[in-house]
PDB file of N, CA and C in Angstrom:
ATOM      1  N   MET A   1       8.954  18.394  10.232  1.00  0.00           N
ATOM      2  CA  MET A   1       7.687  17.748  10.696  1.00  0.00           C
ATOM      3  C   MET A   1       8.134  16.402  11.712  1.00  0.00           C
ATOM      4  N   ARG A   2       7.073  16.597  12.034  1.00  0.00           N
ATOM      5  CA  ARG A   2       7.210  14.871  13.302  1.00  0.00           C
ATOM      6  C   ARG A   2       6.326  14.090  13.349  1.00  0.00           C
ATOM      7  N   ALA A   3       6.696  12.616  12.702  1.00  0.00           N
ATOM      8  CA  ALA A   3       6.100  11.638  13.707  1.00  0.00           C
ATOM      9  C   ALA A   3       6.055  11.246  15.252  1.00  0.00           C
ATOM     10  N   ILE A   4       4.345  11.177  15.615  1.00  0.00           N
ATOM     11  CA  ILE A   4       4.950  10.860  16.934  1.00  0.00           C
ATOM     12  C   ILE A   4       3.785   9.238  17.544  1.00  0.00           C
ATOM     13  N   TRP A   5       4.442   9.242  18.890  1.00  0.00           N
ATOM     14  CA  TRP A   5       2.905   7.363  18.923  1.00  0.00           C
ATOM     15  C   TRP A   5       3.314   7.397  20.878  1.00  0.00           C
ATOM     16  N   ASN A   6       2.445   6.883  21.219  1.00  0.00           N
ATOM     17  CA  ASN A   6       3.251   6.937  23.070  1.00  0.00           C
ATOM     18  C   ASN A   6       4.104   7.864  23.461  1.00  0.00           C
ATOM     19  N   ASP A   7       3.906   9.569  22.941  1.00  0.00           N
ATOM     20  CA  ASP A   7       4.580   9.979  23.545  1.00  0.00           C
ATOM     21  C   ASP A   7       6.062   9.866  22.978  1.00  0.00           C
ATOM     22  N   THR A   8       6.558   9.310  22.212  1.00  0.00           N
ATOM     23  CA  THR A   8       7.831   9.183  21.788  1.00  0.00           C
ATOM     24  C   THR A   8       7.668   9.899  19.964  1.00  0.00           C
ATOM     25  N   VAL A   9       9.043  10.509  19.658  1.00  0.00           N
ATOM     26  CA  VAL A   9       8.722  10.636  18.354  1.00  0.00           C
ATOM     27  C   VAL A   9       8.696   9.834  17.294  1.00  0.00           C
ATOM     28  N   ILE A  10       8.539   9.161  16.399  1.00  0.00           N
ATOM     29  CA  ILE A  10       9.389   7.925  15.909  1.00  0.00           C
ATOM     30  C   ILE A  10      10.217   8.687  15.008  1.00  0.00           C
ATOM     31  N   ALA A  11       9.387   9.563  14.006  1.00  0.00           N
ATOM     32  CA  ALA A  11       9.865  10.289  12.898  1.00  0.00           C
ATOM     33  C   ALA A  11      10.689  12.192  12.935  1.00  0.00           C
ATOM     34  N   GLU A  12      11.419  12.817  12.251  1.00  0.00           N
ATOM     35  CA  GLU A  12      11.402  13.991  11.997  1.00  0.00           C
ATOM     36  C   GLU A  12      12.637  14.443  11.631  1.00  0.00           C
ATOM     37  N   SER A  13      11.894  15.172  10.176  1.00  0.00           N
ATOM     38  CA  SER A  13      12.547  15.976   9.148  1.00  0.00           C
ATOM     39  C   SER A  13      11.184  17.995   8.552  1.00  0.00           C
ATOM     40  N   ASP A  14      12.240  17.745   8.449  1.00  0.00           N
ATOM     41  CA  ASP A  14      11.716  19.549   7.665  1.00  0.00           C
ATOM     42  C   ASP A  14      12.018  18.471   5.716  1.00  0.00           C
ATOM     43  N   ASP A  15      12.128  17.519   4.830  1.00  0.00           N
ATOM     44  CA  ASP A  15      12.523  17.168   4.256  1.00  0.00           C
ATOM     45  C   ASP A  15      11.199  16.159   4.149  1.00  0.00           C
ATOM     46  N   ILE A  16       9.462  16.664   3.803  1.00  0.00           N
ATOM     47  CA  ILE A  16       8.487  16.403   3.225  1.00  0.00           C
ATOM     48  C   ILE A  16       7.772  16.324   2.092  1.00  0.00           C
ATOM     49  N   VAL A  17       7.431  14.126   1.691  1.00  0.00           N
ATOM     50  CA  VAL A  17       6.814  14.767   0.704  1.00  0.00           C
ATOM     51  C   VAL A  17       5.547  14.142   0.991  1.00  0.00           C
ATOM     52  N   GLU A  18       4.286  15.349   0.089  1.00  0.00           N
ATOM     53  CA  GLU A  18       2.681  15.192   0.796  1.00  0.00           C
ATOM     54  C   GLU A  18       2.483  14.803  -0.469  1.00  0.00           C
ATOM     55  N   VAL A  19       1.672  13.514  -0.368  1.00  0.00           N
ATOM     56  CA  VAL A  19       1.006  12.967  -1.426  1.00  0.00           C
ATOM     57  C   VAL A  19      -0.921  12.130  -0.625  1.00  0.00           C
ATOM     58  N   GLU A  20      -1.904  12.403  -1.177  1.00  0.00           N
ATOM     59  CA  GLU A  20      -2.912  12.435  -0.637  1.00  0.00           C
ATOM     60  C   GLU A  20      -3.095  12.638   0.978  1.00  0.00           C
ATOM     61  N   GLY A  21      -2.472  13.867   1.410  1.00  0.00           N
ATOM     62  CA  GLY A  21      -2.910  13.653   2.314  1.00  0.00           C
ATOM     63  C   GLY A  21      -1.829  13.855   3.297  1.00  0.00           C
ATOM     64  N   ASN A  22      -0.473  12.506   3.074  1.00  0.00           N
ATOM     65  CA  ASN A  22       0.041  12.211   3.897  1.00  0.00           C
ATOM     66  C   ASN A  22       1.090  12.474   4.151  1.00  0.00           C
ATOM     67  N   ALA A  23       2.515  12.405   5.196  1.00  0.00           N
ATOM     68  CA  ALA A  23       3.453  13.078   5.229  1.00  0.00           C
ATOM     69  C   ALA A  23       3.916  12.270   4.495  1.00  0.00           C
ATOM     70  N   TYR A  24       5.072  11.531   4.277  1.00  0.00           N
ATOM     71  CA  TYR A  24       5.047  10.721   3.654  1.00  0.00           C
ATOM     72  C   TYR A  24       6.992  11.099   4.270  1.00  0.00           C
ATOM     73  N   PHE A  25       8.473  10.556   4.894  1.00  0.00           N
ATOM     74  CA  PHE A  25       8.970  11.140   6.394  1.00  0.00           C
ATOM     75  C   PHE A  25      10.174  10.304   5.430  1.00  0.00           C
ATOM     76  N   PRO A  26      11.820  11.378   5.034  1.00  0.00           N
ATOM     77  CA  PRO A  26      12.743   9.812   4.633  1.00  0.00           C
ATOM     78  C   PRO A  26      13.724   8.798   5.492  1.00  0.00           C
ATOM     79  N   VAL A  27      13.667   8.288   5.014  1.00  0.00           N
ATOM     80  CA  VAL A  27      13.916   7.044   6.081  1.00  0.00           C
ATOM     81  C   VAL A  27      14.647   7.246   7.371  1.00  0.00           C
ATOM     82  N   SER A  28      15.443   7.764   6.534  1.00  0.00           N
ATOM     83  CA  SER A  28      17.069   7.711   6.685  1.00  0.00           C
ATOM     84  C   SER A  28      16.185   9.269   8.675  1.00  0.00           C
ATOM     85  N   SER A  29      15.165   9.463   8.669  1.00  0.00           N
ATOM     86  CA  SER A  29      14.342  10.345   9.270  1.00  0.00           C
ATOM     87  C   SER A  29      13.787   9.212  11.158  1.00  0.00           C
ATOM     88  N   VAL A  30      13.834   8.537  10.526  1.00  0.00           N
ATOM     89  CA  VAL A  30      12.854   7.738  11.042  1.00  0.00           C
ATOM     90  C   VAL A  30      13.574   6.479  12.670  1.00  0.00           C
ATOM     91  N   ARG A  31      13.422   6.822  13.634  1.00  0.00           N
ATOM     92  CA  ARG A  31      14.717   5.969  14.515  1.00  0.00           C
ATOM     93  C   ARG A  31      13.815   4.162  14.290  1.00  0.00           C
ATOM     94  N   GLN A  32      15.206   3.650  13.440  1.00  0.00           N
ATOM     95  CA  GLN A  32      15.328   2.324  13.332  1.00  0.00           C
ATOM     96  C   GLN A  32      14.408   2.134  13.950  1.00  0.00           C
ATOM     97  N   GLU A  33      14.852   1.990  15.266  1.00  0.00           N
ATOM     98  CA  GLU A  33      15.485   1.146  17.603  1.00  0.00           C
ATOM     99  C   GLU A  33      13.522   0.534  16.881  1.00  0.00           C
ATOM    100  N   LEU A  34      12.600   1.689  16.308  1.00  0.00           N
ATOM    101  CA  LEU A  34      11.307   1.773  16.907  1.00  0.00           C
ATOM    102  C   LEU A  34      10.265   1.627  15.870  1.00  0.00           C
ATOM    103  N   ILE A  35      10.835   0.374  14.823  1.00  0.00           N
ATOM    104  CA  ILE A  35      10.363   0.026  14.193  1.00  0.00           C
ATOM    105  C   ILE A  35      10.877  -1.489  12.782  1.00  0.00           C
ATOM    106  N   THR A  36       9.777  -2.115  13.326  1.00  0.00           N
ATOM    107  CA  THR A  36       9.390  -3.992  12.517  1.00  0.00           C
ATOM    108  C   THR A  36       9.255  -4.201  11.003  1.00  0.00           C
ATOM    109  N   ALA A  37       9.525  -4.629  10.430  1.00  0.00           N
ATOM    110  CA  ALA A  37       8.836  -5.192   9.673  1.00  0.00           C
ATOM    111  C   ALA A  37       7.471  -6.360   9.282  1.00  0.00           C
ATOM    112  N   THR A  38       6.609  -6.218   9.242  1.00  0.00           N
ATOM    113  CA  THR A  38       5.649  -6.333   8.856  1.00  0.00           C
ATOM    114  C   THR A  38       5.629  -7.871   7.418  1.00  0.00           C
ATOM    115  N   ASP A  39       5.020  -8.867   7.789  1.00  0.00           N
ATOM    116  CA  ASP A  39       4.634  -9.514   6.052  1.00  0.00           C
ATOM    117  C   ASP A  39       3.010  -9.111   5.590  1.00  0.00           C
ATOM    118  N   THR A  40       2.223  -7.843   5.892  1.00  0.00           N
ATOM    119  CA  THR A  40       0.889  -6.791   5.867  1.00  0.00           C
ATOM    120  C   THR A  40       2.456  -5.832   3.947  1.00  0.00           C
ATOM    121  N   ARG A  41       1.041  -6.173   2.827  1.00  0.00           N
ATOM    122  CA  ARG A  41       0.445  -5.720   1.510  1.00  0.00           C
ATOM    123  C   ARG A  41      -0.544  -5.569   1.271  1.00  0.00           C
ATOM    124  N   THR A  42       0.158  -4.135   0.878  1.00  0.00           N
ATOM    125  CA  THR A  42      -1.193  -3.329  -0.348  1.00  0.00           C
ATOM    126  C   THR A  42      -1.231  -2.696  -1.296  1.00  0.00           C
ATOM    127  N   VAL A  43      -1.805  -2.751  -2.762  1.00  0.00           N
ATOM    128  CA  VAL A  43      -1.516  -2.591  -3.602  1.00  0.00           C
ATOM    129  C   VAL A  43      -2.689  -1.835  -3.627  1.00  0.00           C
ATOM    130  N   CYS A  44      -1.112  -0.530  -4.489  1.00  0.00           N
ATOM    131  CA  CYS A  44      -2.440   0.954  -5.120  1.00  0.00           C
ATOM    132  C   CYS A  44      -2.326   0.716  -6.467  1.00  0.00           C
ATOM    133  N   PRO A  45      -3.038   1.119  -7.395  1.00  0.00           N
ATOM    134  CA  PRO A  45      -2.963   1.108  -8.504  1.00  0.00           C
ATOM    135  C   PRO A  45      -1.776   2.516  -9.244  1.00  0.00           C
ATOM    136  N   TRP A  46      -1.563   3.207  -9.069  1.00  0.00           N
ATOM    137  CA  TRP A  46      -0.747   4.587  -9.360  1.00  0.00           C
ATOM    138  C   TRP A  46       0.556   4.150  -8.016  1.00  0.00           C
ATOM    139  N   LYS A  47       0.615   3.993  -6.940  1.00  0.00           N
ATOM    140  CA  LYS A  47       1.600   3.864  -6.225  1.00  0.00           C
ATOM    141  C   LYS A  47       2.173   2.182  -6.411  1.00  0.00           C
ATOM    142  N   GLY A  48       1.078   1.762  -6.695  1.00  0.00           N
ATOM    143  CA  GLY A  48       2.336  -0.092  -6.482  1.00  0.00           C
ATOM    144  C   GLY A  48       1.930   0.012  -4.747  1.00  0.00           C
ATOM    145  N   THR A  49       2.874  -0.965  -4.626  1.00  0.00           N
ATOM    146  CA  THR A  49       3.170  -2.199  -3.638  1.00  0.00           C
ATOM    147  C   THR A  49       2.860  -2.071  -2.746  1.00  0.00           C
ATOM    148  N   ALA A  50       2.768  -1.644  -1.404  1.00  0.00           N
ATOM    149  CA  ALA A  50       2.867  -0.907   0.027  1.00  0.00           C
ATOM    150  C   ALA A  50       3.930  -1.785   0.773  1.00  0.00           C
ATOM    151  N   SER A  51       4.529  -2.279   1.313  1.00  0.00           N
ATOM    152  CA  SER A  51       4.957  -2.925   2.475  1.00  0.00           C
ATOM    153  C   SER A  51       4.854  -1.964   3.356  1.00  0.00           C
ATOM    154  N   TYR A  52       4.697  -2.686   4.991  1.00  0.00           N
ATOM    155  CA  TYR A  52       4.444  -1.872   7.023  1.00  0.00           C
ATOM    156  C   TYR A  52       5.023  -2.327   7.783  1.00  0.00           C
ATOM    157  N   TYR A  53       4.914  -1.033   8.413  1.00  0.00           N
ATOM    158  CA  TYR A  53       6.266  -1.527  10.039  1.00  0.00           C
ATOM    159  C   TYR A  53       5.194  -1.576  11.207  1.00  0.00           C
ATOM    160  N   SER A  54       5.978  -2.006  11.597  1.00  0.00           N
ATOM    161  CA  SER A  54       4.658  -1.694  13.521  1.00  0.00           C
ATOM    162  C   SER A  54       5.728  -1.292  14.036  1.00  0.00           C
ATOM    163  N   ILE A  55       5.831  -0.738  15.259  1.00  0.00           N
ATOM    164  CA  ILE A  55       5.975   0.507  15.890  1.00  0.00           C
ATOM    165  C   ILE A  55       6.293  -0.056  17.264  1.00  0.00           C
ATOM    166  N   THR A  56       7.674   0.046  18.114  1.00  0.00           N
ATOM    167  CA  THR A  56       6.636  -0.504  19.618  1.00  0.00           C
ATOM    168  C   THR A  56       7.580   0.736  20.062  1.00  0.00           C
ATOM    169  N   VAL A  57       7.012   1.357  21.409  1.00  0.00           N
ATOM    170  CA  VAL A  57       7.493   1.922  22.333  1.00  0.00           C
ATOM    171  C   VAL A  57       7.380   1.575  23.864  1.00  0.00           C
ATOM    172  N   ASP A  58       8.578   1.236  24.715  1.00  0.00           N
ATOM    173  CA  ASP A  58       7.932   1.378  25.872  1.00  0.00           C
ATOM    174  C   ASP A  58       6.524  -0.221  25.610  1.00  0.00           C
ATOM    175  N   GLY A  59       6.827  -0.780  25.244  1.00  0.00           N
ATOM    176  CA  GLY A  59       6.550  -2.760  24.790  1.00  0.00           C
ATOM    177  C   GLY A  59       5.600  -2.193  24.618  1.00  0.00           C
ATOM    178  N   ALA A  60       4.757  -1.163  24.325  1.00  0.00           N
ATOM    179  CA  ALA A  60       3.476  -1.825  23.383  1.00  0.00           C
ATOM    180  C   ALA A  60       3.215  -1.070  21.376  1.00  0.00           C
ATOM    181  N   GLU A  61       2.640  -1.925  21.013  1.00  0.00           N
ATOM    182  CA  GLU A  61       3.351  -2.281  19.642  1.00  0.00           C
ATOM    183  C   GLU A  61       2.009  -1.641  19.354  1.00  0.00           C
ATOM    184  N   ASN A  62       2.214  -1.241  17.445  1.00  0.00           N
ATOM    185  CA  ASN A  62       0.797  -0.409  17.402  1.00  0.00           C
ATOM    186  C   ASN A  62       1.118  -1.072  15.694  1.00  0.00           C
ATOM    187  N   THR A  63       0.969  -2.017  15.836  1.00  0.00           N
ATOM    188  CA  THR A  63       0.731  -3.067  14.157  1.00  0.00           C
ATOM    189  C   THR A  63       0.153  -2.347  12.902  1.00  0.00           C
ATOM    190  N   ASP A  64       1.219  -2.193  11.871  1.00  0.00           N
ATOM    191  CA  ASP A  64       1.380  -1.855  10.257  1.00  0.00           C
ATOM    192  C   ASP A  64       1.098  -0.417  10.923  1.00  0.00           C
ATOM    193  N   ALA A  65       1.699   0.076  11.326  1.00  0.00           N
ATOM    194  CA  ALA A  65       1.316   1.240  11.856  1.00  0.00           C
ATOM    195  C   ALA A  65       1.969   1.787  11.278  1.00  0.00           C
ATOM    196  N   ALA A  66       3.824   2.342  10.046  1.00  0.00           N
ATOM    197  CA  ALA A  66       3.790   3.010   9.242  1.00  0.00           C
ATOM    198  C   ALA A  66       3.921   1.427   7.638  1.00  0.00           C
ATOM    199  N   TRP A  67       3.451   2.426   6.057  1.00  0.00           N
ATOM    200  CA  TRP A  67       3.883   1.691   5.613  1.00  0.00           C
ATOM    201  C   TRP A  67       4.944   2.423   4.454  1.00  0.00           C
ATOM    202  N   PHE A  68       5.823   1.842   3.455  1.00  0.00           N
ATOM    203  CA  PHE A  68       6.342   2.542   1.845  1.00  0.00           C
ATOM    204  C   PHE A  68       5.932   1.659   1.097  1.00  0.00           C
ATOM    205  N   TYR A  69       6.744   2.615   0.336  1.00  0.00           N
ATOM    206  CA  TYR A  69       7.151   1.797  -1.441  1.00  0.00           C
ATOM    207  C   TYR A  69       8.216   1.371  -1.214  1.00  0.00           C
ATOM    208  N   PRO A  70       8.566   0.549  -1.391  1.00  0.00           N
ATOM    209  CA  PRO A  70      10.330  -0.776  -2.008  1.00  0.00           C
ATOM    210  C   PRO A  70      10.438   0.446  -3.142  1.00  0.00           C
ATOM    211  N   GLU A  71       9.554  -0.171  -4.782  1.00  0.00           N
ATOM    212  CA  GLU A  71       9.655  -0.651  -5.601  1.00  0.00           C
ATOM    213  C   GLU A  71       8.517   0.818  -6.535  1.00  0.00           C
ATOM    214  N   PRO A  72       8.132   2.208  -5.387  1.00  0.00           N
ATOM    215  CA  PRO A  72       7.198   1.931  -6.336  1.00  0.00           C
ATOM    216  C   PRO A  72       6.875   3.076  -7.786  1.00  0.00           C
ATOM    217  N   LYS A  73       5.896   2.878  -8.044  1.00  0.00           N
ATOM    218  CA  LYS A  73       5.714   3.010  -9.862  1.00  0.00           C
ATOM    219  C   LYS A  73       6.349   4.761 -10.472  1.00  0.00           C
ATOM    220  N   GLU A  74       6.275   5.068 -11.287  1.00  0.00           N
ATOM    221  CA  GLU A  74       7.108   6.430 -11.860  1.00  0.00           C
ATOM    222  C   GLU A  74       6.332   7.294 -11.075  1.00  0.00           C
ATOM    223  N   ALA A  75       4.946   6.914 -11.560  1.00  0.00           N
ATOM    224  CA  ALA A  75       4.172   7.694 -11.190  1.00  0.00           C
ATOM    225  C   ALA A  75       3.866   8.860  -9.384  1.00  0.00           C
ATOM    226  N   ALA A  76       4.483   7.602  -9.244  1.00  0.00           N
ATOM    227  CA  ALA A  76       5.172   7.734  -7.215  1.00  0.00           C
ATOM    228  C   ALA A  76       6.791   7.800  -6.713  1.00  0.00           C
ATOM    229  N   ALA A  77       7.334   7.841  -7.916  1.00  0.00           N
ATOM    230  CA  ALA A  77       8.994   8.119  -7.158  1.00  0.00           C
ATOM    231  C   ALA A  77       9.033   8.916  -7.058  1.00  0.00           C
ATOM    232  N   GLN A  78       8.358   9.755  -6.584  1.00  0.00           N
ATOM    233  CA  GLN A  78       7.858  10.969  -5.388  1.00  0.00           C
ATOM    234  C   GLN A  78       8.951  10.698  -3.935  1.00  0.00           C
ATOM    235  N   ILE A  79       8.057   8.909  -3.374  1.00  0.00           N
ATOM    236  CA  ILE A  79       7.986   8.751  -2.572  1.00  0.00           C
ATOM    237  C   ILE A  79       9.036   7.398  -2.268  1.00  0.00           C
ATOM    238  N   LYS A  80       9.621   6.407  -2.861  1.00  0.00           N
ATOM    239  CA  LYS A  80      10.699   5.980  -2.697  1.00  0.00           C
ATOM    240  C   LYS A  80      11.831   6.643  -1.341  1.00  0.00           C
ATOM    241  N   ASP A  81      11.908   5.552  -1.115  1.00  0.00           N
ATOM    242  CA  ASP A  81      12.350   5.915   0.538  1.00  0.00           C
ATOM    243  C   ASP A  81      12.921   6.553   1.244  1.00  0.00           C
ATOM    244  N   ARG A  82      10.930   7.032   1.268  1.00  0.00           N
ATOM    245  CA  ARG A  82      10.276   7.706   2.026  1.00  0.00           C
ATOM    246  C   ARG A  82       8.781   6.520   3.574  1.00  0.00           C
ATOM    247  N   VAL A  83       8.668   7.171   4.091  1.00  0.00           N
ATOM    248  CA  VAL A  83       7.593   6.338   4.979  1.00  0.00           C
ATOM    249  C   VAL A  83       6.952   6.916   5.795  1.00  0.00           C
ATOM    250  N   ALA A  84       5.378   6.727   5.314  1.00  0.00           N
ATOM    251  CA  ALA A  84       4.554   7.301   6.555  1.00  0.00           C
ATOM    252  C   ALA A  84       3.605   7.067   7.415  1.00  0.00           C
ATOM    253  N   PHE A  85       2.784   7.351   7.565  1.00  0.00           N
ATOM    254  CA  PHE A  85       2.107   6.968   9.351  1.00  0.00           C
ATOM    255  C   PHE A  85       0.191   6.841   9.209  1.00  0.00           C
ATOM    256  N   TRP A  86       0.321   6.675  10.397  1.00  0.00           N
ATOM    257  CA  TRP A  86      -0.685   6.010  10.599  1.00  0.00           C
ATOM    258  C   TRP A  86      -1.615   5.685  11.381  1.00  0.00           C
ATOM    259  N   ARG A  87      -2.970   4.881  11.363  1.00  0.00           N
ATOM    260  CA  ARG A  87      -3.360   4.106  13.079  1.00  0.00           C
ATOM    261  C   ARG A  87      -2.096   5.143  14.712  1.00  0.00           C
ATOM    262  N   GLY A  88      -3.273   5.818  14.510  1.00  0.00           N
ATOM    263  CA  GLY A  88      -2.360   7.152  15.917  1.00  0.00           C
ATOM    264  C   GLY A  88      -1.280   7.574  16.377  1.00  0.00           C
ATOM    265  N   VAL A  89      -0.603   7.047  15.338  1.00  0.00           N
ATOM    266  CA  VAL A  89       0.502   8.192  14.880  1.00  0.00           C
ATOM    267  C   VAL A  89      -0.048   9.659  14.755  1.00  0.00           C
ATOM    268  N   THR A  90       0.522  10.596  16.081  1.00  0.00           N
ATOM    269  CA  THR A  90       0.210  11.652  15.018  1.00  0.00           C
ATOM    270  C   THR A  90       1.466  12.811  14.199  1.00  0.00           C
ATOM    271  N   VAL A  91       1.073  14.098  13.245  1.00  0.00           N
ATOM    272  CA  VAL A  91       2.101  13.929  12.040  1.00  0.00           C
ATOM    273  C   VAL A  91       1.857  15.414  12.651  1.00  0.00           C
ATOM    274  N   THR A  92       2.551  16.233  13.145  1.00  0.00           N
ATOM    275  CA  THR A  92       2.220  17.165  13.019  1.00  0.00           C
ATOM    276  C   THR A  92       3.862  18.207  12.699  1.00  0.00           C
ATOM    277  N   PRO A  93       3.723  20.040  12.711  1.00  0.00           N
ATOM    278  CA  PRO A  93       4.266  20.819  11.814  1.00  0.00           C
ATOM    279  C   PRO A  93       5.792  21.558  12.885  1.00  0.00           C
TER     280      PRO A  93
END
């Protein structure tokens, strides 16, 4: 699968974990030069506290367009070290 924004591949992997309709990519498959950690945090009752990345491509920024759970709760252990996308990022097979 691929995560694409602004005609640029942000992440690509065959090792995908799907949770609640979201594809979680291994963090190692994400192009680190295109993401920047933000201070945004949200809480999911069963997954834990999510942290976010902004994506920057050719000078355009997509704020908080990727999220991950640095320390997921036990019920969501399968998404540890994985990143999911939204806010206009297209995920395709």
